[in-house]
Amino acid sequence: MTHEKRAPWSGPGGTTFHFVNDGIESAFDQAREAAGDRDVRIAGGGTTILEYVNDGLIDEFSIALSPVLFGSGIRLFEGVDASRVALEQVRAESSPSVTHVTYAVRER
């Protein structure tokens, strides 16, 4: 997803990235169609995760946490609709430089 129109970009190994700027539902539908019966992965920041979680479009997500303080940002779970959504931690892997945490998204 992006805020501006961009042409597809092909990377090494044959992966092509398509940029969608007409909403998360459109991006999700296009990704599902392209994936067929395979999993769809969505990459993005906190705002992207919140939009997809609150719209019920994802069943699991991962966060990479790094001990670097930039002085600003968003509170990732502050915008989750807790009356509809519960998060269940399913995995955590850590190292000195990063911790990867995976959550399942459940309906309440």
N, C-alpha and C. Protein backbone atom coordinates (compact mmCIF):
# COMPACT_ATOMS: atom_id res chain seq x y z
N MET A 1 0.85 -1.17 0.00
CA MET A 1 0.00 0.00 0.00
C MET A 1 0.89 1.23 0.00
N THR A 2 0.40 2.23 -0.67
CA THR A 2 1.12 3.48 -0.74
C THR A 2 0.12 4.62 -0.91
N HIS A 3 0.57 5.81 -0.70
CA HIS A 3 -0.30 6.97 -0.89
C HIS A 3 -0.20 7.54 -2.30
N GLU A 4 0.75 7.06 -3.08
CA GLU A 4 0.94 7.58 -4.43
C GLU A 4 0.99 6.43 -5.43
N LYS A 5 0.64 6.74 -6.67
CA LYS A 5 0.67 5.72 -7.71
C LYS A 5 2.11 5.43 -8.09
N ARG A 6 2.41 4.13 -8.20
CA ARG A 6 3.76 3.69 -8.59
C ARG A 6 3.62 2.50 -9.50
N ALA A 7 4.54 2.37 -10.42
CA ALA A 7 4.59 1.21 -11.30
C ALA A 7 5.12 0.02 -10.50
N PRO A 8 4.77 -1.22 -10.91
CA PRO A 8 5.32 -2.40 -10.24
C PRO A 8 6.85 -2.39 -10.30
N TRP A 9 7.46 -3.00 -9.28
CA TRP A 9 8.92 -3.09 -9.22
C TRP A 9 9.31 -4.55 -9.12
N SER A 10 10.19 -5.00 -9.99
CA SER A 10 10.68 -6.39 -9.97
C SER A 10 12.04 -6.43 -9.33
N GLY A 11 12.17 -7.30 -8.35
CA GLY A 11 13.43 -7.44 -7.64
C GLY A 11 14.19 -8.68 -8.08
N PRO A 12 15.36 -8.87 -7.51
CA PRO A 12 16.15 -10.06 -7.84
C PRO A 12 15.39 -11.33 -7.47
N GLY A 13 15.54 -12.35 -8.24
CA GLY A 13 14.87 -13.61 -7.96
C GLY A 13 13.47 -13.71 -8.51
N GLY A 14 13.01 -12.69 -9.21
CA GLY A 14 11.71 -12.76 -9.86
C GLY A 14 10.53 -12.27 -9.05
N THR A 15 10.75 -11.73 -7.87
CA THR A 15 9.65 -11.20 -7.07
C THR A 15 9.25 -9.83 -7.61
N THR A 16 7.95 -9.65 -7.83
CA THR A 16 7.44 -8.37 -8.29
C THR A 16 6.56 -7.77 -7.20
N PHE A 17 6.82 -6.50 -6.87
CA PHE A 17 6.03 -5.78 -5.89
C PHE A 17 5.06 -4.88 -6.63
N HIS A 18 3.78 -5.00 -6.26
CA HIS A 18 2.73 -4.16 -6.85
C HIS A 18 2.29 -3.17 -5.78
N PHE A 19 2.20 -1.92 -6.14
CA PHE A 19 1.85 -0.86 -5.21
C PHE A 19 0.39 -0.49 -5.40
N VAL A 20 -0.37 -0.54 -4.31
CA VAL A 20 -1.81 -0.30 -4.35
C VAL A 20 -2.10 0.96 -3.53
N ASN A 21 -2.90 1.86 -4.09
CA ASN A 21 -3.20 3.10 -3.37
C ASN A 21 -4.70 3.37 -3.23
N ASP A 22 -5.52 2.33 -3.38
CA ASP A 22 -6.96 2.55 -3.26
C ASP A 22 -7.58 1.79 -2.08
N GLY A 23 -6.82 1.67 -0.99
CA GLY A 23 -7.38 1.13 0.24
C GLY A 23 -6.91 -0.26 0.59
N ILE A 24 -7.06 -0.59 1.89
CA ILE A 24 -6.57 -1.87 2.37
C ILE A 24 -7.38 -3.05 1.84
N GLU A 25 -8.67 -2.86 1.64
CA GLU A 25 -9.48 -3.96 1.12
C GLU A 25 -9.05 -4.32 -0.30
N SER A 26 -8.80 -3.33 -1.12
CA SER A 26 -8.34 -3.57 -2.48
C SER A 26 -6.99 -4.28 -2.48
N ALA A 27 -6.08 -3.80 -1.64
CA ALA A 27 -4.76 -4.43 -1.56
C ALA A 27 -4.88 -5.88 -1.12
N PHE A 28 -5.73 -6.12 -0.12
CA PHE A 28 -5.92 -7.47 0.40
C PHE A 28 -6.54 -8.38 -0.66
N ASP A 29 -7.57 -7.91 -1.35
CA ASP A 29 -8.22 -8.71 -2.40
C ASP A 29 -7.24 -9.06 -3.51
N GLN A 30 -6.44 -8.10 -3.93
CA GLN A 30 -5.46 -8.36 -4.99
C GLN A 30 -4.40 -9.37 -4.54
N ALA A 31 -3.98 -9.26 -3.28
CA ALA A 31 -2.99 -10.20 -2.74
C ALA A 31 -3.56 -11.60 -2.65
N ARG A 32 -4.80 -11.72 -2.20
CA ARG A 32 -5.43 -13.05 -2.10
C ARG A 32 -5.59 -13.69 -3.48
N GLU A 33 -5.99 -12.88 -4.45
CA GLU A 33 -6.13 -13.41 -5.81
C GLU A 33 -4.79 -13.90 -6.35
N ALA A 34 -3.74 -13.13 -6.13
CA ALA A 34 -2.42 -13.50 -6.62
C ALA A 34 -1.87 -14.72 -5.89
N ALA A 35 -2.21 -14.87 -4.60
CA ALA A 35 -1.67 -15.97 -3.79
C ALA A 35 -2.35 -17.30 -4.05
N GLY A 36 -3.58 -17.27 -4.53
CA GLY A 36 -4.30 -18.53 -4.71
C GLY A 36 -4.54 -19.18 -3.37
N ASP A 37 -4.06 -20.41 -3.18
CA ASP A 37 -4.27 -21.11 -1.91
C ASP A 37 -3.11 -20.93 -0.93
N ARG A 38 -2.17 -20.07 -1.26
CA ARG A 38 -1.03 -19.81 -0.37
C ARG A 38 -1.35 -18.67 0.59
N ASP A 39 -0.50 -18.53 1.63
CA ASP A 39 -0.67 -17.46 2.60
C ASP A 39 -0.41 -16.10 1.98
N VAL A 40 -1.05 -15.09 2.52
CA VAL A 40 -0.81 -13.69 2.12
C VAL A 40 -0.04 -13.04 3.26
N ARG A 41 1.03 -12.34 2.94
CA ARG A 41 1.81 -11.60 3.93
C ARG A 41 1.68 -10.11 3.64
N ILE A 42 1.43 -9.36 4.68
CA ILE A 42 1.30 -7.91 4.57
C ILE A 42 2.45 -7.30 5.37
N ALA A 43 3.22 -6.45 4.75
CA ALA A 43 4.32 -5.77 5.44
C ALA A 43 3.94 -4.31 5.63
N GLY A 44 4.26 -3.79 6.78
CA GLY A 44 3.95 -2.39 7.02
C GLY A 44 4.21 -2.02 8.46
N GLY A 45 3.89 -0.82 8.79
CA GLY A 45 4.08 -0.31 10.14
C GLY A 45 2.86 -0.47 11.00
N GLY A 46 2.89 0.17 12.15
CA GLY A 46 1.81 0.05 13.12
C GLY A 46 0.45 0.45 12.61
N THR A 47 0.39 1.51 11.83
CA THR A 47 -0.90 1.96 11.29
C THR A 47 -1.50 0.92 10.37
N THR A 48 -0.67 0.31 9.56
CA THR A 48 -1.15 -0.74 8.64
C THR A 48 -1.69 -1.93 9.42
N ILE A 49 -0.95 -2.36 10.43
CA ILE A 49 -1.40 -3.49 11.25
C ILE A 49 -2.75 -3.18 11.88
N LEU A 50 -2.88 -1.99 12.48
CA LEU A 50 -4.14 -1.62 13.12
C LEU A 50 -5.32 -1.65 12.15
N GLU A 51 -5.12 -1.12 10.96
CA GLU A 51 -6.22 -1.11 9.98
C GLU A 51 -6.66 -2.53 9.65
N TYR A 52 -5.72 -3.42 9.38
CA TYR A 52 -6.07 -4.78 9.01
C TYR A 52 -6.66 -5.56 10.18
N VAL A 53 -6.12 -5.39 11.38
CA VAL A 53 -6.67 -6.08 12.56
C VAL A 53 -8.10 -5.63 12.81
N ASN A 54 -8.34 -4.33 12.84
CA ASN A 54 -9.68 -3.82 13.13
C ASN A 54 -10.70 -4.14 12.05
N ASP A 55 -10.25 -4.33 10.82
CA ASP A 55 -11.17 -4.71 9.74
C ASP A 55 -11.35 -6.22 9.64
N GLY A 56 -10.70 -6.98 10.52
CA GLY A 56 -10.86 -8.44 10.55
C GLY A 56 -10.24 -9.14 9.35
N LEU A 57 -9.22 -8.55 8.75
CA LEU A 57 -8.65 -9.11 7.53
C LEU A 57 -7.41 -9.97 7.75
N ILE A 58 -6.89 -10.02 8.97
CA ILE A 58 -5.73 -10.88 9.20
C ILE A 58 -5.98 -11.78 10.40
N ASP A 59 -5.34 -12.93 10.38
CA ASP A 59 -5.51 -13.87 11.47
C ASP A 59 -4.24 -14.01 12.31
N GLU A 60 -3.12 -13.45 11.83
CA GLU A 60 -1.87 -13.53 12.57
C GLU A 60 -0.94 -12.43 12.08
N PHE A 61 -0.15 -11.85 13.01
CA PHE A 61 0.85 -10.87 12.59
C PHE A 61 2.07 -10.95 13.49
N SER A 62 3.19 -10.49 12.94
CA SER A 62 4.46 -10.49 13.67
C SER A 62 4.98 -9.07 13.78
N ILE A 63 5.65 -8.82 14.89
CA ILE A 63 6.26 -7.52 15.14
C ILE A 63 7.73 -7.75 15.41
N ALA A 64 8.58 -6.93 14.82
CA ALA A 64 10.01 -6.95 15.13
C ALA A 64 10.29 -5.76 16.02
N LEU A 65 10.70 -6.02 17.26
CA LEU A 65 10.99 -4.96 18.23
C LEU A 65 12.50 -4.84 18.39
N SER A 66 12.98 -3.62 18.26
CA SER A 66 14.41 -3.37 18.39
C SER A 66 14.62 -2.29 19.44
N PRO A 67 15.63 -2.43 20.30
CA PRO A 67 15.82 -1.47 21.38
C PRO A 67 16.46 -0.16 20.90
N VAL A 68 15.78 0.47 19.95
CA VAL A 68 16.23 1.77 19.44
C VAL A 68 15.11 2.76 19.72
N LEU A 69 15.41 3.85 20.39
CA LEU A 69 14.40 4.84 20.73
C LEU A 69 14.53 6.03 19.79
N PHE A 70 13.49 6.29 19.04
CA PHE A 70 13.49 7.40 18.10
C PHE A 70 12.84 8.65 18.68
N GLY A 71 12.17 8.52 19.79
CA GLY A 71 11.55 9.68 20.41
C GLY A 71 10.10 9.91 20.02
N SER A 72 9.60 9.14 19.06
CA SER A 72 8.20 9.29 18.68
C SER A 72 7.72 8.00 18.05
N GLY A 73 6.46 7.96 17.72
CA GLY A 73 5.87 6.78 17.10
C GLY A 73 4.44 6.63 17.54
N ILE A 74 3.84 5.50 17.19
CA ILE A 74 2.47 5.24 17.61
C ILE A 74 2.46 4.09 18.60
N ARG A 75 1.48 4.07 19.46
CA ARG A 75 1.29 2.96 20.39
C ARG A 75 0.51 1.90 19.62
N LEU A 76 1.17 0.82 19.33
CA LEU A 76 0.63 -0.16 18.41
C LEU A 76 -0.75 -0.67 18.80
N PHE A 77 -0.98 -1.03 20.04
CA PHE A 77 -2.24 -1.64 20.42
C PHE A 77 -3.29 -0.63 20.88
N GLU A 78 -2.94 0.64 20.93
CA GLU A 78 -3.86 1.66 21.40
C GLU A 78 -5.10 1.76 20.51
N GLY A 79 -4.98 1.48 19.24
CA GLY A 79 -6.10 1.61 18.32
C GLY A 79 -6.86 0.32 18.06
N VAL A 80 -6.48 -0.79 18.72
CA VAL A 80 -7.18 -2.05 18.51
C VAL A 80 -8.55 -1.99 19.17
N ASP A 81 -9.58 -2.42 18.46
CA ASP A 81 -10.93 -2.46 19.00
C ASP A 81 -11.06 -3.68 19.92
N ALA A 82 -10.73 -3.49 21.20
CA ALA A 82 -10.70 -4.59 22.16
C ALA A 82 -12.07 -5.20 22.43
N SER A 83 -13.14 -4.54 22.02
CA SER A 83 -14.46 -5.13 22.20
C SER A 83 -14.72 -6.21 21.15
N ARG A 84 -13.97 -6.19 20.06
CA ARG A 84 -14.14 -7.16 18.97
C ARG A 84 -12.97 -8.11 18.80
N VAL A 85 -11.78 -7.67 19.25
CA VAL A 85 -10.55 -8.40 18.92
C VAL A 85 -9.77 -8.76 20.18
N ALA A 86 -9.24 -9.98 20.21
CA ALA A 86 -8.31 -10.40 21.25
C ALA A 86 -7.03 -10.86 20.57
N LEU A 87 -5.90 -10.56 21.19
CA LEU A 87 -4.61 -10.97 20.65
C LEU A 87 -4.02 -12.05 21.53
N GLU A 88 -3.55 -13.12 20.91
CA GLU A 88 -2.95 -14.23 21.64
C GLU A 88 -1.53 -14.42 21.14
N GLN A 89 -0.55 -14.30 22.04
CA GLN A 89 0.84 -14.50 21.63
C GLN A 89 1.05 -15.96 21.32
N VAL A 90 1.60 -16.25 20.14
CA VAL A 90 1.83 -17.63 19.74
C VAL A 90 3.32 -17.97 19.61
N ARG A 91 4.16 -16.93 19.54
CA ARG A 91 5.58 -17.18 19.34
C ARG A 91 6.38 -15.94 19.74
N ALA A 92 7.59 -16.16 20.27
CA ALA A 92 8.52 -15.07 20.55
C ALA A 92 9.94 -15.61 20.37
N GLU A 93 10.72 -14.88 19.61
CA GLU A 93 12.12 -15.25 19.38
C GLU A 93 12.96 -14.00 19.60
N SER A 94 14.00 -14.13 20.44
CA SER A 94 14.77 -12.93 20.75
C SER A 94 16.26 -13.13 20.50
N SER A 95 16.93 -12.01 20.33
CA SER A 95 18.38 -11.93 20.21
C SER A 95 18.78 -10.62 20.87
N PRO A 96 20.06 -10.32 21.00
CA PRO A 96 20.45 -9.05 21.60
C PRO A 96 19.98 -7.81 20.82
N SER A 97 19.71 -7.95 19.52
CA SER A 97 19.36 -6.77 18.74
C SER A 97 17.90 -6.67 18.34
N VAL A 98 17.13 -7.77 18.44
CA VAL A 98 15.73 -7.72 18.02
C VAL A 98 14.95 -8.85 18.67
N THR A 99 13.67 -8.58 18.91
CA THR A 99 12.75 -9.62 19.38
C THR A 99 11.58 -9.69 18.40
N HIS A 100 11.30 -10.88 17.90
CA HIS A 100 10.17 -11.09 16.99
C HIS A 100 9.05 -11.73 17.78
N VAL A 101 7.88 -11.08 17.79
CA VAL A 101 6.72 -11.59 18.51
C VAL A 101 5.58 -11.79 17.51
N THR A 102 4.94 -12.95 17.58
CA THR A 102 3.83 -13.26 16.68
C THR A 102 2.57 -13.43 17.50
N TYR A 103 1.50 -12.79 17.02
CA TYR A 103 0.20 -12.84 17.68
C TYR A 103 -0.84 -13.42 16.74
N ALA A 104 -1.73 -14.25 17.28
CA ALA A 104 -2.93 -14.67 16.56
C ALA A 104 -4.03 -13.66 16.90
N VAL A 105 -4.84 -13.35 15.93
CA VAL A 105 -5.96 -12.41 16.10
C VAL A 105 -7.22 -13.25 16.25
N ARG A 106 -7.90 -13.09 17.38
CA ARG A 106 -9.12 -13.84 17.66
C ARG A 106 -10.29 -12.88 17.80
N GLU A 107 -11.48 -13.35 17.42
CA GLU A 107 -12.70 -12.56 17.64
C GLU A 107 -13.15 -12.75 19.07
N ARG A 108 -13.69 -11.70 19.67
CA ARG A 108 -14.27 -11.81 21.02
C ARG A 108 -15.71 -12.21 20.91
